[in-house]
Amino acid sequence: MTDTTAIMARQREIASEHLLFKLMEYVEAQHPGLLDFMEASLDHLGDPATDDTKDDAGVRQIAARMITGARKQGVDAG
C-alpha cells in the first residue's frame, strides 16, 4: 500500500525545487548578484524542527548546493 500523502508531498517538493531553480537561473541572468545575495543569507537559514531531526547545517548544505547548481547550469543551458 502506498502513502498518497507522502507521494504527493514528494512530487510537490520536486516541482517546487525545479521551478525555484529555474527562477533563480532566470533572475540571476537578468540581475546579476542574486545568487551572491542568496548565498550571503545562508547563515540565517535553519531547520524549524524542535526534535532530534533538527539539522540546520543540513538545510544550509541543500540551499548551498542549489545555489551552486544554478551558477553552473545558467539560463542558457536549460
PDB file of N, CA and C in Angstrom:
ATOM      1  N   MET A   1       0.845  -1.184   0.000  1.00  0.00           N
ATOM      2  CA  MET A   1       0.000   0.000   0.000  1.00  0.00           C
ATOM      3  C   MET A   1       0.892   1.248   0.000  1.00  0.00           C
ATOM      4  N   THR A   2       0.569   2.213  -0.815  1.00  0.00           N
ATOM      5  CA  THR A   2       1.361   3.435  -0.901  1.00  0.00           C
ATOM      6  C   THR A   2       0.745   4.528  -0.050  1.00  0.00           C
ATOM      7  N   ASP A   3       1.594   5.394   0.449  1.00  0.00           N
ATOM      8  CA  ASP A   3       1.139   6.530   1.238  1.00  0.00           C
ATOM      9  C   ASP A   3       0.946   7.709   0.292  1.00  0.00           C
ATOM     10  N   THR A   4      -0.294   7.951  -0.105  1.00  0.00           N
ATOM     11  CA  THR A   4      -0.612   9.002  -1.078  1.00  0.00           C
ATOM     12  C   THR A   4      -0.131  10.368  -0.613  1.00  0.00           C
ATOM     13  N   THR A   5      -0.252  10.656   0.669  1.00  0.00           N
ATOM     14  CA  THR A   5       0.180  11.949   1.192  1.00  0.00           C
ATOM     15  C   THR A   5       1.683  12.136   1.006  1.00  0.00           C
ATOM     16  N   ALA A   6       2.463  11.106   1.313  1.00  0.00           N
ATOM     17  CA  ALA A   6       3.917  11.186   1.152  1.00  0.00           C
ATOM     18  C   ALA A   6       4.300  11.320  -0.320  1.00  0.00           C
ATOM     19  N   ILE A   7       3.621  10.597  -1.178  1.00  0.00           N
ATOM     20  CA  ILE A   7       3.905  10.671  -2.614  1.00  0.00           C
ATOM     21  C   ILE A   7       3.608  12.067  -3.142  1.00  0.00           C
ATOM     22  N   MET A   8       2.461  12.608  -2.766  1.00  0.00           N
ATOM     23  CA  MET A   8       2.099  13.956  -3.226  1.00  0.00           C
ATOM     24  C   MET A   8       3.061  15.004  -2.674  1.00  0.00           C
ATOM     25  N   ALA A   9       3.493  14.855  -1.433  1.00  0.00           N
ATOM     26  CA  ALA A   9       4.452  15.798  -0.842  1.00  0.00           C
ATOM     27  C   ALA A   9       5.773  15.746  -1.601  1.00  0.00           C
ATOM     28  N   ARG A  10       6.232  14.535  -1.942  1.00  0.00           N
ATOM     29  CA  ARG A  10       7.471  14.382  -2.706  1.00  0.00           C
ATOM     30  C   ARG A  10       7.341  15.031  -4.078  1.00  0.00           C
ATOM     31  N   GLN A  11       6.220  14.806  -4.744  1.00  0.00           N
ATOM     32  CA  GLN A  11       6.012  15.380  -6.074  1.00  0.00           C
ATOM     33  C   GLN A  11       5.958  16.902  -6.013  1.00  0.00           C
ATOM     34  N   ARG A  12       5.300  17.453  -4.984  1.00  0.00           N
ATOM     35  CA  ARG A  12       5.264  18.913  -4.818  1.00  0.00           C
ATOM     36  C   ARG A  12       6.661  19.460  -4.566  1.00  0.00           C
ATOM     37  N   GLU A  13       7.439  18.752  -3.757  1.00  0.00           N
ATOM     38  CA  GLU A  13       8.799  19.192  -3.462  1.00  0.00           C
ATOM     39  C   GLU A  13       9.649  19.211  -4.732  1.00  0.00           C
ATOM     40  N   ILE A  14       9.561  18.177  -5.529  1.00  0.00           N
ATOM     41  CA  ILE A  14      10.324  18.108  -6.783  1.00  0.00           C
ATOM     42  C   ILE A  14       9.911  19.236  -7.716  1.00  0.00           C
ATOM     43  N   ALA A  15       8.615  19.442  -7.881  1.00  0.00           N
ATOM     44  CA  ALA A  15       8.123  20.507  -8.761  1.00  0.00           C
ATOM     45  C   ALA A  15       8.538  21.880  -8.243  1.00  0.00           C
ATOM     46  N   SER A  16       8.410  22.095  -6.945  1.00  0.00           N
ATOM     47  CA  SER A  16       8.778  23.392  -6.357  1.00  0.00           C
ATOM     48  C   SER A  16      10.263  23.669  -6.514  1.00  0.00           C
ATOM     49  N   GLU A  17      11.096  22.657  -6.257  1.00  0.00           N
ATOM     50  CA  GLU A  17      12.539  22.836  -6.414  1.00  0.00           C
ATOM     51  C   GLU A  17      12.893  23.160  -7.861  1.00  0.00           C
ATOM     52  N   HIS A  18      12.276  22.481  -8.794  1.00  0.00           N
ATOM     53  CA  HIS A  18      12.562  22.741 -10.207  1.00  0.00           C
ATOM     54  C   HIS A  18      12.205  24.180 -10.574  1.00  0.00           C
ATOM     55  N   LEU A  19      10.998  24.603 -10.202  1.00  0.00           N
ATOM     56  CA  LEU A  19      10.561  25.961 -10.543  1.00  0.00           C
ATOM     57  C   LEU A  19      11.412  27.015  -9.849  1.00  0.00           C
ATOM     58  N   LEU A  20      11.749  26.791  -8.593  1.00  0.00           N
ATOM     59  CA  LEU A  20      12.607  27.737  -7.878  1.00  0.00           C
ATOM     60  C   LEU A  20      13.985  27.809  -8.526  1.00  0.00           C
ATOM     61  N   PHE A  21      14.540  26.653  -8.881  1.00  0.00           N
ATOM     62  CA  PHE A  21      15.850  26.587  -9.517  1.00  0.00           C
ATOM     63  C   PHE A  21      15.853  27.371 -10.830  1.00  0.00           C
ATOM     64  N   LYS A  22      14.838  27.173 -11.654  1.00  0.00           N
ATOM     65  CA  LYS A  22      14.749  27.891 -12.929  1.00  0.00           C
ATOM     66  C   LYS A  22      14.545  29.385 -12.703  1.00  0.00           C
ATOM     67  N   LEU A  23      13.774  29.748 -11.692  1.00  0.00           N
ATOM     68  CA  LEU A  23      13.587  31.162 -11.351  1.00  0.00           C
ATOM     69  C   LEU A  23      14.910  31.789 -10.921  1.00  0.00           C
ATOM     70  N   MET A  24      15.671  31.073 -10.112  1.00  0.00           N
ATOM     71  CA  MET A  24      16.984  31.569  -9.684  1.00  0.00           C
ATOM     72  C   MET A  24      17.881  31.811 -10.898  1.00  0.00           C
ATOM     73  N   GLU A  25      17.920  30.853 -11.807  1.00  0.00           N
ATOM     74  CA  GLU A  25      18.742  30.995 -13.013  1.00  0.00           C
ATOM     75  C   GLU A  25      18.308  32.206 -13.828  1.00  0.00           C
ATOM     76  N   TYR A  26      17.020  32.355 -14.034  1.00  0.00           N
ATOM     77  CA  TYR A  26      16.491  33.433 -14.865  1.00  0.00           C
ATOM     78  C   TYR A  26      16.771  34.796 -14.244  1.00  0.00           C
ATOM     79  N   VAL A  27      16.465  34.945 -12.959  1.00  0.00           N
ATOM     80  CA  VAL A  27      16.668  36.243 -12.308  1.00  0.00           C
ATOM     81  C   VAL A  27      18.151  36.581 -12.255  1.00  0.00           C
ATOM     82  N   GLU A  28      19.003  35.604 -11.993  1.00  0.00           N
ATOM     83  CA  GLU A  28      20.455  35.865 -11.980  1.00  0.00           C
ATOM     84  C   GLU A  28      20.915  36.361 -13.350  1.00  0.00           C
ATOM     85  N   ALA A  29      20.370  35.793 -14.415  1.00  0.00           N
ATOM     86  CA  ALA A  29      20.749  36.229 -15.764  1.00  0.00           C
ATOM     87  C   ALA A  29      20.303  37.665 -16.027  1.00  0.00           C
ATOM     88  N   GLN A  30      19.149  38.048 -15.493  1.00  0.00           N
ATOM     89  CA  GLN A  30      18.616  39.400 -15.698  1.00  0.00           C
ATOM     90  C   GLN A  30      19.221  40.417 -14.735  1.00  0.00           C
ATOM     91  N   HIS A  31      19.512  39.972 -13.533  1.00  0.00           N
ATOM     92  CA  HIS A  31      20.007  40.850 -12.463  1.00  0.00           C
ATOM     93  C   HIS A  31      21.164  40.155 -11.745  1.00  0.00           C
ATOM     94  N   PRO A  32      22.353  40.186 -12.324  1.00  0.00           N
ATOM     95  CA  PRO A  32      23.492  39.514 -11.693  1.00  0.00           C
ATOM     96  C   PRO A  32      23.670  39.975 -10.246  1.00  0.00           C
ATOM     97  N   GLY A  33      23.954  39.035  -9.406  1.00  0.00           N
ATOM     98  CA  GLY A  33      24.146  39.328  -7.996  1.00  0.00           C
ATOM     99  C   GLY A  33      23.137  38.624  -7.106  1.00  0.00           C
ATOM    100  N   LEU A  34      22.056  38.130  -7.695  1.00  0.00           N
ATOM    101  CA  LEU A  34      21.040  37.429  -6.903  1.00  0.00           C
ATOM    102  C   LEU A  34      21.641  36.250  -6.153  1.00  0.00           C
ATOM    103  N   LEU A  35      22.416  35.429  -6.849  1.00  0.00           N
ATOM    104  CA  LEU A  35      22.956  34.232  -6.213  1.00  0.00           C
ATOM    105  C   LEU A  35      23.943  34.590  -5.109  1.00  0.00           C
ATOM    106  N   ASP A  36      24.719  35.657  -5.302  1.00  0.00           N
ATOM    107  CA  ASP A  36      25.611  36.122  -4.235  1.00  0.00           C
ATOM    108  C   ASP A  36      24.797  36.560  -3.022  1.00  0.00           C
ATOM    109  N   PHE A  37      23.712  37.289  -3.267  1.00  0.00           N
ATOM    110  CA  PHE A  37      22.828  37.749  -2.200  1.00  0.00           C
ATOM    111  C   PHE A  37      22.230  36.565  -1.444  1.00  0.00           C
ATOM    112  N   MET A  38      21.772  35.577  -2.199  1.00  0.00           N
ATOM    113  CA  MET A  38      21.176  34.400  -1.570  1.00  0.00           C
ATOM    114  C   MET A  38      22.218  33.624  -0.767  1.00  0.00           C
ATOM    115  N   GLU A  39      23.407  33.500  -1.331  1.00  0.00           N
ATOM    116  CA  GLU A  39      24.473  32.778  -0.643  1.00  0.00           C
ATOM    117  C   GLU A  39      24.839  33.458   0.680  1.00  0.00           C
ATOM    118  N   ALA A  40      24.857  34.784   0.675  1.00  0.00           N
ATOM    119  CA  ALA A  40      25.188  35.537   1.886  1.00  0.00           C
ATOM    120  C   ALA A  40      24.126  35.376   2.972  1.00  0.00           C
ATOM    121  N   SER A  41      22.930  34.957   2.595  1.00  0.00           N
ATOM    122  CA  SER A  41      21.840  34.820   3.566  1.00  0.00           C
ATOM    123  C   SER A  41      21.814  33.458   4.251  1.00  0.00           C
ATOM    124  N   LEU A  42      22.643  32.530   3.824  1.00  0.00           N
ATOM    125  CA  LEU A  42      22.547  31.160   4.322  1.00  0.00           C
ATOM    126  C   LEU A  42      22.797  31.033   5.822  1.00  0.00           C
ATOM    127  N   ASP A  43      23.586  31.927   6.396  1.00  0.00           N
ATOM    128  CA  ASP A  43      23.835  31.866   7.841  1.00  0.00           C
ATOM    129  C   ASP A  43      22.556  32.035   8.646  1.00  0.00           C
ATOM    130  N   HIS A  44      21.552  32.646   8.053  1.00  0.00           N
ATOM    131  CA  HIS A  44      20.282  32.887   8.744  1.00  0.00           C
ATOM    132  C   HIS A  44      19.278  31.759   8.518  1.00  0.00           C
ATOM    133  N   LEU A  45      19.641  30.778   7.700  1.00  0.00           N
ATOM    134  CA  LEU A  45      18.738  29.681   7.360  1.00  0.00           C
ATOM    135  C   LEU A  45      18.868  28.566   8.387  1.00  0.00           C
ATOM    136  N   GLY A  46      17.748  28.015   8.803  1.00  0.00           N
ATOM    137  CA  GLY A  46      17.792  26.924   9.768  1.00  0.00           C
ATOM    138  C   GLY A  46      16.616  25.983   9.615  1.00  0.00           C
ATOM    139  N   ASP A  47      16.729  24.877  10.276  1.00  0.00           N
ATOM    140  CA  ASP A  47      15.697  23.844  10.292  1.00  0.00           C
ATOM    141  C   ASP A  47      14.732  24.161  11.429  1.00  0.00           C
ATOM    142  N   PRO A  48      13.433  24.303  11.144  1.00  0.00           N
ATOM    143  CA  PRO A  48      12.480  24.660  12.191  1.00  0.00           C
ATOM    144  C   PRO A  48      12.096  23.504  13.127  1.00  0.00           C
ATOM    145  N   ALA A  49      12.609  22.313  12.878  1.00  0.00           N
ATOM    146  CA  ALA A  49      12.245  21.166  13.716  1.00  0.00           C
ATOM    147  C   ALA A  49      12.634  21.424  15.175  1.00  0.00           C
ATOM    148  N   THR A  50      11.869  20.864  16.075  1.00  0.00           N
ATOM    149  CA  THR A  50      12.151  21.030  17.506  1.00  0.00           C
ATOM    150  C   THR A  50      12.500  19.699  18.168  1.00  0.00           C
ATOM    151  N   ASP A  51      12.760  18.682  17.360  1.00  0.00           N
ATOM    152  CA  ASP A  51      13.103  17.369  17.905  1.00  0.00           C
ATOM    153  C   ASP A  51      14.499  16.962  17.439  1.00  0.00           C
ATOM    154  N   ASP A  52      14.830  15.692  17.589  1.00  0.00           N
ATOM    155  CA  ASP A  52      16.163  15.198  17.243  1.00  0.00           C
ATOM    156  C   ASP A  52      16.472  15.248  15.750  1.00  0.00           C
ATOM    157  N   THR A  53      15.478  15.516  14.915  1.00  0.00           N
ATOM    158  CA  THR A  53      15.720  15.585  13.472  1.00  0.00           C
ATOM    159  C   THR A  53      16.229  16.955  13.038  1.00  0.00           C
ATOM    160  N   LYS A  54      16.261  17.926  13.942  1.00  0.00           N
ATOM    161  CA  LYS A  54      16.713  19.286  13.609  1.00  0.00           C
ATOM    162  C   LYS A  54      18.145  19.224  13.077  1.00  0.00           C
ATOM    163  N   ASP A  55      18.364  19.841  11.911  1.00  0.00           N
ATOM    164  CA  ASP A  55      19.689  19.819  11.282  1.00  0.00           C
ATOM    165  C   ASP A  55      19.881  21.103  10.482  1.00  0.00           C
ATOM    166  N   ASP A  56      20.276  22.169  11.160  1.00  0.00           N
ATOM    167  CA  ASP A  56      20.490  23.453  10.495  1.00  0.00           C
ATOM    168  C   ASP A  56      21.540  23.341   9.396  1.00  0.00           C
ATOM    169  N   ALA A  57      22.635  22.655   9.686  1.00  0.00           N
ATOM    170  CA  ALA A  57      23.710  22.519   8.701  1.00  0.00           C
ATOM    171  C   ALA A  57      23.227  21.769   7.467  1.00  0.00           C
ATOM    172  N   GLY A  58      22.405  20.758   7.656  1.00  0.00           N
ATOM    173  CA  GLY A  58      21.873  20.005   6.524  1.00  0.00           C
ATOM    174  C   GLY A  58      21.017  20.867   5.614  1.00  0.00           C
ATOM    175  N   VAL A  59      20.189  21.712   6.216  1.00  0.00           N
ATOM    176  CA  VAL A  59      19.342  22.621   5.438  1.00  0.00           C
ATOM    177  C   VAL A  59      20.215  23.605   4.661  1.00  0.00           C
ATOM    178  N   ARG A  60      21.235  24.139   5.320  1.00  0.00           N
ATOM    179  CA  ARG A  60      22.140  25.092   4.653  1.00  0.00           C
ATOM    180  C   ARG A  60      22.896  24.428   3.504  1.00  0.00           C
ATOM    181  N   GLN A  61      23.292  23.170   3.694  1.00  0.00           N
ATOM    182  CA  GLN A  61      24.003  22.454   2.627  1.00  0.00           C
ATOM    183  C   GLN A  61      23.119  22.260   1.402  1.00  0.00           C
ATOM    184  N   ILE A  62      21.862  21.939   1.615  1.00  0.00           N
ATOM    185  CA  ILE A  62      20.933  21.781   0.491  1.00  0.00           C
ATOM    186  C   ILE A  62      20.797  23.095  -0.262  1.00  0.00           C
ATOM    187  N   ALA A  63      20.603  24.192   0.464  1.00  0.00           N
ATOM    188  CA  ALA A  63      20.465  25.505  -0.172  1.00  0.00           C
ATOM    189  C   ALA A  63      21.744  25.881  -0.915  1.00  0.00           C
ATOM    190  N   ALA A  64      22.890  25.614  -0.308  1.00  0.00           N
ATOM    191  CA  ALA A  64      24.168  25.938  -0.955  1.00  0.00           C
ATOM    192  C   ALA A  64      24.338  25.141  -2.246  1.00  0.00           C
ATOM    193  N   ARG A  65      23.935  23.876  -2.231  1.00  0.00           N
ATOM    194  CA  ARG A  65      24.027  23.061  -3.453  1.00  0.00           C
ATOM    195  C   ARG A  65      23.106  23.592  -4.540  1.00  0.00           C
ATOM    196  N   MET A  66      21.935  24.080  -4.154  1.00  0.00           N
ATOM    197  CA  MET A  66      21.023  24.659  -5.149  1.00  0.00           C
ATOM    198  C   MET A  66      21.645  25.901  -5.781  1.00  0.00           C
ATOM    199  N   ILE A  67      22.262  26.738  -4.972  1.00  0.00           N
ATOM    200  CA  ILE A  67      22.903  27.949  -5.489  1.00  0.00           C
ATOM    201  C   ILE A  67      24.063  27.575  -6.401  1.00  0.00           C
ATOM    202  N   THR A  68      24.876  26.623  -5.978  1.00  0.00           N
ATOM    203  CA  THR A  68      25.995  26.163  -6.805  1.00  0.00           C
ATOM    204  C   THR A  68      25.487  25.608  -8.130  1.00  0.00           C
ATOM    205  N   GLY A  69      24.420  24.828  -8.078  1.00  0.00           N
ATOM    206  CA  GLY A  69      23.841  24.268  -9.301  1.00  0.00           C
ATOM    207  C   GLY A  69      23.325  25.343 -10.231  1.00  0.00           C
ATOM    208  N   ALA A  70      22.688  26.369  -9.674  1.00  0.00           N
ATOM    209  CA  ALA A  70      22.178  27.467 -10.503  1.00  0.00           C
ATOM    210  C   ALA A  70      23.329  28.213 -11.161  1.00  0.00           C
ATOM    211  N   ARG A  71      24.436  28.370 -10.449  1.00  0.00           N
ATOM    212  CA  ARG A  71      25.614  29.039 -11.035  1.00  0.00           C
ATOM    213  C   ARG A  71      26.168  28.225 -12.203  1.00  0.00           C
ATOM    214  N   LYS A  72      26.233  26.911 -12.027  1.00  0.00           N
ATOM    215  CA  LYS A  72      26.795  26.036 -13.064  1.00  0.00           C
ATOM    216  C   LYS A  72      25.869  25.906 -14.261  1.00  0.00           C
ATOM    217  N   GLN A  73      24.589  25.742 -14.003  1.00  0.00           N
ATOM    218  CA  GLN A  73      23.612  25.499 -15.066  1.00  0.00           C
ATOM    219  C   GLN A  73      23.445  26.722 -15.950  1.00  0.00           C
ATOM    220  N   GLY A  74      23.170  27.842 -15.331  1.00  0.00           N
ATOM    221  CA  GLY A  74      22.959  29.063 -16.095  1.00  0.00           C
ATOM    222  C   GLY A  74      21.687  29.001 -16.913  1.00  0.00           C
ATOM    223  N   VAL A  75      21.235  30.138 -17.358  1.00  0.00           N
ATOM    224  CA  VAL A  75      19.960  30.231 -18.067  1.00  0.00           C
ATOM    225  C   VAL A  75      20.048  29.677 -19.491  1.00  0.00           C
ATOM    226  N   ASP A  76      21.223  29.695 -20.094  1.00  0.00           N
ATOM    227  CA  ASP A  76      21.356  29.246 -21.483  1.00  0.00           C
ATOM    228  C   ASP A  76      21.347  27.727 -21.622  1.00  0.00           C
ATOM    229  N   ALA A  77      21.730  27.023 -20.560  1.00  0.00           N
ATOM    230  CA  ALA A  77      21.833  25.567 -20.646  1.00  0.00           C
ATOM    231  C   ALA A  77      20.500  24.867 -20.444  1.00  0.00           C
ATOM    232  N   GLY A  78      19.514  25.551 -19.876  1.00  0.00           N
ATOM    233  CA  GLY A  78      18.286  24.858 -19.521  1.00  0.00           C
ATOM    234  C   GLY A  78      17.223  24.985 -20.517  1.00  0.00           C
TER     235      GLY A  78
END
